[in-house]
Amino acid sequence: MTITAAFVMYSVTWFMTFFVVLQIRTVSQREQGHVEPGTPPGAPAEEVVGRKAKLTTLIATPIWAVICGVILSGWITLDDLDWFGRMGP
């Protein structure tokens, strides 16, 4: 695995985790009781992106390390994923 591949894998893992973490404990404006004019009632009431980005980093880094470990160890290879035999003998 090259450094570029590791960076791309970390970026993808981080963003996938970030999109999951953004939905955790989100309080909408409707739930808080005050809807700002011009925004939908389901819009978040508070901006907590910085805290959620730090939490995402803490969660995504071990996930990325496990994925890289599996790839580098050779435990799962491309031959294991070739279910239809299209990659040759």
PDB file of N, CA and C in Angstrom:
ATOM      1  N   MET A   1       0.849  -1.173   0.000  1.00  0.00           N
ATOM      2  CA  MET A   1       0.000   0.000   0.000  1.00  0.00           C
ATOM      3  C   MET A   1       0.893   1.234   0.000  1.00  0.00           C
ATOM      4  N   THR A   2       0.610   2.124  -0.921  1.00  0.00           N
ATOM      5  CA  THR A   2       1.405   3.343  -1.015  1.00  0.00           C
ATOM      6  C   THR A   2       0.901   4.383  -0.002  1.00  0.00           C
ATOM      7  N   ILE A   3       1.693   5.420   0.175  1.00  0.00           N
ATOM      8  CA  ILE A   3       1.309   6.490   1.089  1.00  0.00           C
ATOM      9  C   ILE A   3       0.049   7.185   0.578  1.00  0.00           C
ATOM     10  N   THR A   4      -0.035   7.361  -0.734  1.00  0.00           N
ATOM     11  CA  THR A   4      -1.218   7.995  -1.316  1.00  0.00           C
ATOM     12  C   THR A   4      -2.464   7.148  -1.078  1.00  0.00           C
ATOM     13  N   ALA A   5      -2.342   5.837  -1.256  1.00  0.00           N
ATOM     14  CA  ALA A   5      -3.485   4.947  -1.023  1.00  0.00           C
ATOM     15  C   ALA A   5      -3.911   4.991   0.439  1.00  0.00           C
ATOM     16  N   ALA A   6      -2.946   5.033   1.347  1.00  0.00           N
ATOM     17  CA  ALA A   6      -3.269   5.105   2.772  1.00  0.00           C
ATOM     18  C   ALA A   6      -3.968   6.424   3.094  1.00  0.00           C
ATOM     19  N   PHE A   7      -3.512   7.515   2.496  1.00  0.00           N
ATOM     20  CA  PHE A   7      -4.142   8.820   2.723  1.00  0.00           C
ATOM     21  C   PHE A   7      -5.569   8.844   2.182  1.00  0.00           C
ATOM     22  N   VAL A   8      -5.760   8.296   0.981  1.00  0.00           N
ATOM     23  CA  VAL A   8      -7.101   8.262   0.390  1.00  0.00           C
ATOM     24  C   VAL A   8      -8.024   7.389   1.240  1.00  0.00           C
ATOM     25  N   MET A   9      -7.517   6.259   1.719  1.00  0.00           N
ATOM     26  CA  MET A   9      -8.340   5.389   2.557  1.00  0.00           C
ATOM     27  C   MET A   9      -8.699   6.079   3.870  1.00  0.00           C
ATOM     28  N   TYR A  10      -7.759   6.818   4.451  1.00  0.00           N
ATOM     29  CA  TYR A  10      -8.068   7.549   5.683  1.00  0.00           C
ATOM     30  C   TYR A  10      -9.123   8.620   5.416  1.00  0.00           C
ATOM     31  N   SER A  11      -9.002   9.323   4.297  1.00  0.00           N
ATOM     32  CA  SER A  11      -9.970  10.369   3.972  1.00  0.00           C
ATOM     33  C   SER A  11     -11.372   9.791   3.800  1.00  0.00           C
ATOM     34  N   VAL A  12     -11.470   8.695   3.075  1.00  0.00           N
ATOM     35  CA  VAL A  12     -12.779   8.072   2.861  1.00  0.00           C
ATOM     36  C   VAL A  12     -13.350   7.574   4.187  1.00  0.00           C
ATOM     37  N   THR A  13     -12.503   6.922   4.995  1.00  0.00           N
ATOM     38  CA  THR A  13     -12.957   6.424   6.296  1.00  0.00           C
ATOM     39  C   THR A  13     -13.382   7.572   7.200  1.00  0.00           C
ATOM     40  N   TRP A  14     -12.615   8.655   7.201  1.00  0.00           N
ATOM     41  CA  TRP A  14     -12.938   9.802   8.046  1.00  0.00           C
ATOM     42  C   TRP A  14     -14.270  10.417   7.658  1.00  0.00           C
ATOM     43  N   PHE A  15     -14.478  10.650   6.359  1.00  0.00           N
ATOM     44  CA  PHE A  15     -15.718  11.289   5.929  1.00  0.00           C
ATOM     45  C   PHE A  15     -16.930  10.388   6.138  1.00  0.00           C
ATOM     46  N   MET A  16     -16.793   9.092   5.909  1.00  0.00           N
ATOM     47  CA  MET A  16     -17.917   8.184   6.167  1.00  0.00           C
ATOM     48  C   MET A  16     -18.275   8.199   7.650  1.00  0.00           C
ATOM     49  N   THR A  17     -17.266   8.203   8.502  1.00  0.00           N
ATOM     50  CA  THR A  17     -17.508   8.267   9.940  1.00  0.00           C
ATOM     51  C   THR A  17     -18.107   9.622  10.327  1.00  0.00           C
ATOM     52  N   PHE A  18     -17.631  10.686   9.700  1.00  0.00           N
ATOM     53  CA  PHE A  18     -18.124  12.032   9.998  1.00  0.00           C
ATOM     54  C   PHE A  18     -19.615  12.166   9.689  1.00  0.00           C
ATOM     55  N   PHE A  19     -20.047  11.596   8.570  1.00  0.00           N
ATOM     56  CA  PHE A  19     -21.459  11.683   8.210  1.00  0.00           C
ATOM     57  C   PHE A  19     -22.332  10.905   9.181  1.00  0.00           C
ATOM     58  N   VAL A  20     -21.797   9.866   9.785  1.00  0.00           N
ATOM     59  CA  VAL A  20     -22.541   9.130  10.804  1.00  0.00           C
ATOM     60  C   VAL A  20     -22.567   9.932  12.108  1.00  0.00           C
ATOM     61  N   VAL A  21     -21.423  10.472  12.504  1.00  0.00           N
ATOM     62  CA  VAL A  21     -21.318  11.200  13.772  1.00  0.00           C
ATOM     63  C   VAL A  21     -22.144  12.489  13.749  1.00  0.00           C
ATOM     64  N   LEU A  22     -22.281  13.112  12.585  1.00  0.00           N
ATOM     65  CA  LEU A  22     -23.075  14.343  12.507  1.00  0.00           C
ATOM     66  C   LEU A  22     -24.514  14.133  12.955  1.00  0.00           C
ATOM     67  N   GLN A  23     -25.041  12.941  12.785  1.00  0.00           N
ATOM     68  CA  GLN A  23     -26.439  12.686  13.113  1.00  0.00           C
ATOM     69  C   GLN A  23     -26.662  12.319  14.581  1.00  0.00           C
ATOM     70  N   ILE A  24     -25.594  12.097  15.324  1.00  0.00           N
ATOM     71  CA  ILE A  24     -25.719  11.679  16.719  1.00  0.00           C
ATOM     72  C   ILE A  24     -25.968  12.907  17.593  1.00  0.00           C
ATOM     73  N   ARG A  25     -26.997  12.838  18.423  1.00  0.00           N
ATOM     74  CA  ARG A  25     -27.370  13.890  19.375  1.00  0.00           C
ATOM     75  C   ARG A  25     -27.575  15.261  18.729  1.00  0.00           C
ATOM     76  N   THR A  26     -28.169  15.279  17.557  1.00  0.00           N
ATOM     77  CA  THR A  26     -28.472  16.531  16.893  1.00  0.00           C
ATOM     78  C   THR A  26     -29.823  17.032  17.389  1.00  0.00           C
ATOM     79  N   VAL A  27     -29.873  18.279  17.840  1.00  0.00           N
ATOM     80  CA  VAL A  27     -31.111  18.890  18.318  1.00  0.00           C
ATOM     81  C   VAL A  27     -31.589  19.849  17.239  1.00  0.00           C
ATOM     82  N   SER A  28     -32.809  19.632  16.761  1.00  0.00           N
ATOM     83  CA  SER A  28     -33.333  20.503  15.717  1.00  0.00           C
ATOM     84  C   SER A  28     -33.893  21.789  16.332  1.00  0.00           C
ATOM     85  N   GLN A  29     -34.118  22.764  15.473  1.00  0.00           N
ATOM     86  CA  GLN A  29     -34.675  24.031  15.946  1.00  0.00           C
ATOM     87  C   GLN A  29     -36.093  23.834  16.466  1.00  0.00           C
ATOM     88  N   ARG A  30     -36.832  22.928  15.854  1.00  0.00           N
ATOM     89  CA  ARG A  30     -38.191  22.653  16.318  1.00  0.00           C
ATOM     90  C   ARG A  30     -38.167  22.074  17.727  1.00  0.00           C
ATOM     91  N   GLU A  31     -37.229  21.151  17.985  1.00  0.00           N
ATOM     92  CA  GLU A  31     -37.137  20.547  19.315  1.00  0.00           C
ATOM     93  C   GLU A  31     -36.712  21.571  20.365  1.00  0.00           C
ATOM     94  N   GLN A  32     -35.888  22.511  19.966  1.00  0.00           N
ATOM     95  CA  GLN A  32     -35.429  23.524  20.908  1.00  0.00           C
ATOM     96  C   GLN A  32     -36.516  24.578  21.173  1.00  0.00           C
ATOM     97  N   GLY A  33     -37.444  24.730  20.234  1.00  0.00           N
ATOM     98  CA  GLY A  33     -38.555  25.645  20.454  1.00  0.00           C
ATOM     99  C   GLY A  33     -38.446  26.973  19.748  1.00  0.00           C
ATOM    100  N   HIS A  34     -37.366  27.223  19.034  1.00  0.00           N
ATOM    101  CA  HIS A  34     -37.220  28.492  18.325  1.00  0.00           C
ATOM    102  C   HIS A  34     -36.705  28.199  16.922  1.00  0.00           C
ATOM    103  N   VAL A  35     -37.549  28.456  15.909  1.00  0.00           N
ATOM    104  CA  VAL A  35     -37.163  28.255  14.514  1.00  0.00           C
ATOM    105  C   VAL A  35     -36.741  29.602  13.941  1.00  0.00           C
ATOM    106  N   GLU A  36     -35.513  29.688  13.500  1.00  0.00           N
ATOM    107  CA  GLU A  36     -34.969  30.909  12.908  1.00  0.00           C
ATOM    108  C   GLU A  36     -35.673  31.160  11.571  1.00  0.00           C
ATOM    109  N   PRO A  37     -36.147  32.375  11.306  1.00  0.00           N
ATOM    110  CA  PRO A  37     -36.837  32.645  10.039  1.00  0.00           C
ATOM    111  C   PRO A  37     -35.924  32.357   8.845  1.00  0.00           C
ATOM    112  N   GLY A  38     -36.501  31.693   7.845  1.00  0.00           N
ATOM    113  CA  GLY A  38     -35.754  31.376   6.631  1.00  0.00           C
ATOM    114  C   GLY A  38     -35.051  30.037   6.673  1.00  0.00           C
ATOM    115  N   THR A  39     -35.156  29.295   7.777  1.00  0.00           N
ATOM    116  CA  THR A  39     -34.546  27.984   7.871  1.00  0.00           C
ATOM    117  C   THR A  39     -35.629  26.939   8.094  1.00  0.00           C
ATOM    118  N   PRO A  40     -35.360  25.694   7.678  1.00  0.00           N
ATOM    119  CA  PRO A  40     -36.352  24.648   7.924  1.00  0.00           C
ATOM    120  C   PRO A  40     -36.384  24.274   9.403  1.00  0.00           C
ATOM    121  N   PRO A  41     -37.514  23.815   9.904  1.00  0.00           N
ATOM    122  CA  PRO A  41     -37.612  23.464  11.328  1.00  0.00           C
ATOM    123  C   PRO A  41     -36.676  22.328  11.736  1.00  0.00           C
ATOM    124  N   GLY A  42     -36.285  21.493  10.786  1.00  0.00           N
ATOM    125  CA  GLY A  42     -35.403  20.373  11.114  1.00  0.00           C
ATOM    126  C   GLY A  42     -33.927  20.728  11.097  1.00  0.00           C
ATOM    127  N   ALA A  43     -33.595  21.984  10.852  1.00  0.00           N
ATOM    128  CA  ALA A  43     -32.197  22.407  10.840  1.00  0.00           C
ATOM    129  C   ALA A  43     -31.614  22.327  12.247  1.00  0.00           C
ATOM    130  N   PRO A  44     -30.316  22.030  12.370  1.00  0.00           N
ATOM    131  CA  PRO A  44     -29.706  21.952  13.696  1.00  0.00           C
ATOM    132  C   PRO A  44     -29.781  23.287  14.434  1.00  0.00           C
ATOM    133  N   ALA A  45     -29.979  23.208  15.740  1.00  0.00           N
ATOM    134  CA  ALA A  45     -30.095  24.418  16.546  1.00  0.00           C
ATOM    135  C   ALA A  45     -28.722  24.967  16.947  1.00  0.00           C
ATOM    136  N   GLU A  46     -27.725  24.100  17.056  1.00  0.00           N
ATOM    137  CA  GLU A  46     -26.387  24.525  17.483  1.00  0.00           C
ATOM    138  C   GLU A  46     -25.345  24.044  16.488  1.00  0.00           C
ATOM    139  N   GLU A  47     -24.255  24.809  16.416  1.00  0.00           N
ATOM    140  CA  GLU A  47     -23.121  24.387  15.596  1.00  0.00           C
ATOM    141  C   GLU A  47     -22.111  23.696  16.502  1.00  0.00           C
ATOM    142  N   VAL A  48     -21.945  22.411  16.308  1.00  0.00           N
ATOM    143  CA  VAL A  48     -20.982  21.650  17.104  1.00  0.00           C
ATOM    144  C   VAL A  48     -20.061  20.858  16.176  1.00  0.00           C
ATOM    145  N   VAL A  49     -19.763  21.440  15.025  1.00  0.00           N
ATOM    146  CA  VAL A  49     -18.985  20.737  14.013  1.00  0.00           C
ATOM    147  C   VAL A  49     -17.564  20.463  14.492  1.00  0.00           C
ATOM    148  N   GLY A  50     -16.958  21.388  15.193  1.00  0.00           N
ATOM    149  CA  GLY A  50     -15.595  21.190  15.671  1.00  0.00           C
ATOM    150  C   GLY A  50     -15.475  20.016  16.626  1.00  0.00           C
ATOM    151  N   ARG A  51     -16.389  19.939  17.566  1.00  0.00           N
ATOM    152  CA  ARG A  51     -16.379  18.841  18.534  1.00  0.00           C
ATOM    153  C   ARG A  51     -16.643  17.510  17.835  1.00  0.00           C
ATOM    154  N   LYS A  52     -17.545  17.525  16.863  1.00  0.00           N
ATOM    155  CA  LYS A  52     -17.851  16.299  16.142  1.00  0.00           C
ATOM    156  C   LYS A  52     -16.706  15.888  15.225  1.00  0.00           C
ATOM    157  N   ALA A  53     -15.952  16.844  14.708  1.00  0.00           N
ATOM    158  CA  ALA A  53     -14.785  16.517  13.888  1.00  0.00           C
ATOM    159  C   ALA A  53     -13.701  15.850  14.740  1.00  0.00           C
ATOM    160  N   LYS A  54     -13.514  16.329  15.964  1.00  0.00           N
ATOM    161  CA  LYS A  54     -12.538  15.695  16.861  1.00  0.00           C
ATOM    162  C   LYS A  54     -12.976  14.289  17.229  1.00  0.00           C
ATOM    163  N   LEU A  55     -14.253  14.118  17.511  1.00  0.00           N
ATOM    164  CA  LEU A  55     -14.782  12.792  17.822  1.00  0.00           C
ATOM    165  C   LEU A  55     -14.636  11.861  16.625  1.00  0.00           C
ATOM    166  N   THR A  56     -14.876  12.386  15.442  1.00  0.00           N
ATOM    167  CA  THR A  56     -14.720  11.589  14.227  1.00  0.00           C
ATOM    168  C   THR A  56     -13.285  11.113  14.069  1.00  0.00           C
ATOM    169  N   THR A  57     -12.335  11.981  14.345  1.00  0.00           N
ATOM    170  CA  THR A  57     -10.931  11.603  14.239  1.00  0.00           C
ATOM    171  C   THR A  57     -10.591  10.496  15.229  1.00  0.00           C
ATOM    172  N   LEU A  58     -11.125  10.588  16.440  1.00  0.00           N
ATOM    173  CA  LEU A  58     -10.869   9.551  17.440  1.00  0.00           C
ATOM    174  C   LEU A  58     -11.480   8.203  17.059  1.00  0.00           C
ATOM    175  N   ILE A  59     -12.589   8.227  16.342  1.00  0.00           N
ATOM    176  CA  ILE A  59     -13.245   6.988  15.939  1.00  0.00           C
ATOM    177  C   ILE A  59     -12.659   6.440  14.639  1.00  0.00           C
ATOM    178  N   ALA A  60     -12.390   7.324  13.667  1.00  0.00           N
ATOM    179  CA  ALA A  60     -11.961   6.888  12.337  1.00  0.00           C
ATOM    180  C   ALA A  60     -10.533   6.363  12.313  1.00  0.00           C
ATOM    181  N   THR A  61      -9.665   6.878  13.179  1.00  0.00           N
ATOM    182  CA  THR A  61      -8.268   6.445  13.149  1.00  0.00           C
ATOM    183  C   THR A  61      -8.100   4.967  13.486  1.00  0.00           C
ATOM    184  N   PRO A  62      -8.720   4.432  14.540  1.00  0.00           N
ATOM    185  CA  PRO A  62      -8.579   2.984  14.772  1.00  0.00           C
ATOM    186  C   PRO A  62      -9.257   2.140  13.689  1.00  0.00           C
ATOM    187  N   ILE A  63     -10.366   2.615  13.141  1.00  0.00           N
ATOM    188  CA  ILE A  63     -11.013   1.875  12.056  1.00  0.00           C
ATOM    189  C   ILE A  63     -10.080   1.797  10.852  1.00  0.00           C
ATOM    190  N   TRP A  64      -9.452   2.913  10.520  1.00  0.00           N
ATOM    191  CA  TRP A  64      -8.499   2.962   9.414  1.00  0.00           C
ATOM    192  C   TRP A  64      -7.302   2.052   9.684  1.00  0.00           C
ATOM    193  N   ALA A  65      -6.814   2.049  10.906  1.00  0.00           N
ATOM    194  CA  ALA A  65      -5.663   1.210  11.251  1.00  0.00           C
ATOM    195  C   ALA A  65      -5.995  -0.274  11.085  1.00  0.00           C
ATOM    196  N   VAL A  66      -7.195  -0.675  11.467  1.00  0.00           N
ATOM    197  CA  VAL A  66      -7.604  -2.078  11.309  1.00  0.00           C
ATOM    198  C   VAL A  66      -7.703  -2.428   9.831  1.00  0.00           C
ATOM    199  N   ILE A  67      -8.304  -1.554   9.037  1.00  0.00           N
ATOM    200  CA  ILE A  67      -8.423  -1.816   7.599  1.00  0.00           C
ATOM    201  C   ILE A  67      -7.045  -1.917   6.955  1.00  0.00           C
ATOM    202  N   CYS A  68      -6.148  -1.003   7.287  1.00  0.00           N
ATOM    203  CA  CYS A  68      -4.784  -1.061   6.736  1.00  0.00           C
ATOM    204  C   CYS A  68      -4.059  -2.321   7.199  1.00  0.00           C
ATOM    205  N   GLY A  69      -4.250  -2.706   8.449  1.00  0.00           N
ATOM    206  CA  GLY A  69      -3.623  -3.924   8.953  1.00  0.00           C
ATOM    207  C   GLY A  69      -4.092  -5.160   8.210  1.00  0.00           C
ATOM    208  N   VAL A  70      -5.371  -5.225   7.919  1.00  0.00           N
ATOM    209  CA  VAL A  70      -5.906  -6.371   7.178  1.00  0.00           C
ATOM    210  C   VAL A  70      -5.334  -6.397   5.770  1.00  0.00           C
ATOM    211  N   ILE A  71      -5.256  -5.245   5.126  1.00  0.00           N
ATOM    212  CA  ILE A  71      -4.728  -5.188   3.762  1.00  0.00           C
ATOM    213  C   ILE A  71      -3.246  -5.530   3.740  1.00  0.00           C
ATOM    214  N   LEU A  72      -2.469  -4.944   4.641  1.00  0.00           N
ATOM    215  CA  LEU A  72      -1.020  -5.168   4.645  1.00  0.00           C
ATOM    216  C   LEU A  72      -0.635  -6.577   5.083  1.00  0.00           C
ATOM    217  N   SER A  73      -1.466  -7.206   5.912  1.00  0.00           N
ATOM    218  CA  SER A  73      -1.143  -8.561   6.360  1.00  0.00           C
ATOM    219  C   SER A  73      -1.409  -9.591   5.280  1.00  0.00           C
ATOM    220  N   GLY A  74      -2.234  -9.257   4.298  1.00  0.00           N
ATOM    221  CA  GLY A  74      -2.571 -10.212   3.255  1.00  0.00           C
ATOM    222  C   GLY A  74      -3.668 -11.176   3.668  1.00  0.00           C
ATOM    223  N   TRP A  75      -4.337 -10.882   4.768  1.00  0.00           N
ATOM    224  CA  TRP A  75      -5.403 -11.751   5.253  1.00  0.00           C
ATOM    225  C   TRP A  75      -6.543 -11.820   4.239  1.00  0.00           C
ATOM    226  N   ILE A  76      -6.858 -10.691   3.617  1.00  0.00           N
ATOM    227  CA  ILE A  76      -7.830 -10.647   2.531  1.00  0.00           C
ATOM    228  C   ILE A  76      -7.112 -10.098   1.307  1.00  0.00           C
ATOM    229  N   THR A  77      -7.188 -10.826   0.200  1.00  0.00           N
ATOM    230  CA  THR A  77      -6.533 -10.409  -1.034  1.00  0.00           C
ATOM    231  C   THR A  77      -7.590 -10.208  -2.116  1.00  0.00           C
ATOM    232  N   LEU A  78      -7.159  -9.736  -3.289  1.00  0.00           N
ATOM    233  CA  LEU A  78      -8.084  -9.577  -4.401  1.00  0.00           C
ATOM    234  C   LEU A  78      -8.630 -10.918  -4.869  1.00  0.00           C
ATOM    235  N   ASP A  79      -7.821 -11.967  -4.750  1.00  0.00           N
ATOM    236  CA  ASP A  79      -8.299 -13.297  -5.137  1.00  0.00           C
ATOM    237  C   ASP A  79      -9.471 -13.747  -4.265  1.00  0.00           C
ATOM    238  N   ASP A  80      -9.488 -13.333  -3.023  1.00  0.00           N
ATOM    239  CA  ASP A  80     -10.604 -13.671  -2.136  1.00  0.00           C
ATOM    240  C   ASP A  80     -11.895 -12.966  -2.561  1.00  0.00           C
ATOM    241  N   LEU A  81     -11.765 -11.828  -3.212  1.00  0.00           N
ATOM    242  CA  LEU A  81     -12.930 -11.043  -3.619  1.00  0.00           C
ATOM    243  C   LEU A  81     -13.384 -11.349  -5.037  1.00  0.00           C
ATOM    244  N   ASP A  82     -12.670 -12.218  -5.751  1.00  0.00           N
ATOM    245  CA  ASP A  82     -13.003 -12.569  -7.124  1.00  0.00           C
ATOM    246  C   ASP A  82     -13.985 -13.738  -7.132  1.00  0.00           C
ATOM    247  N   TRP A  83     -15.250 -13.431  -6.846  1.00  0.00           N
ATOM    248  CA  TRP A  83     -16.263 -14.474  -6.709  1.00  0.00           C
ATOM    249  C   TRP A  83     -16.663 -15.088  -8.035  1.00  0.00           C
ATOM    250  N   PHE A  84     -16.532 -14.365  -9.132  1.00  0.00           N
ATOM    251  CA  PHE A  84     -16.989 -14.850 -10.420  1.00  0.00           C
ATOM    252  C   PHE A  84     -15.845 -15.326 -11.311  1.00  0.00           C
ATOM    253  N   GLY A  85     -14.632 -15.347 -10.823  1.00  0.00           N
ATOM    254  CA  GLY A  85     -13.483 -15.851 -11.555  1.00  0.00           C
ATOM    255  C   GLY A  85     -13.101 -15.025 -12.762  1.00  0.00           C
ATOM    256  N   ARG A  86     -13.245 -13.731 -12.698  1.00  0.00           N
ATOM    257  CA  ARG A  86     -12.957 -12.860 -13.837  1.00  0.00           C
ATOM    258  C   ARG A  86     -11.541 -12.337 -13.847  1.00  0.00           C
ATOM    259  N   MET A  87     -10.763 -12.574 -12.798  1.00  0.00           N
ATOM    260  CA  MET A  87      -9.402 -12.037 -12.746  1.00  0.00           C
ATOM    261  C   MET A  87      -8.379 -13.021 -13.265  1.00  0.00           C
ATOM    262  N   GLY A  88      -8.800 -14.149 -13.761  1.00  0.00           N
ATOM    263  CA  GLY A  88      -7.879 -15.129 -14.330  1.00  0.00           C
ATOM    264  C   GLY A  88      -7.579 -16.250 -13.356  1.00  0.00           C
ATOM    265  N   PRO A  89      -6.801 -17.219 -13.844  1.00  0.00           N
ATOM    266  CA  PRO A  89      -6.500 -18.402 -12.998  1.00  0.00           C
ATOM    267  C   PRO A  89      -5.567 -18.136 -11.866  1.00  0.00           C
TER     268      PRO A  89
END
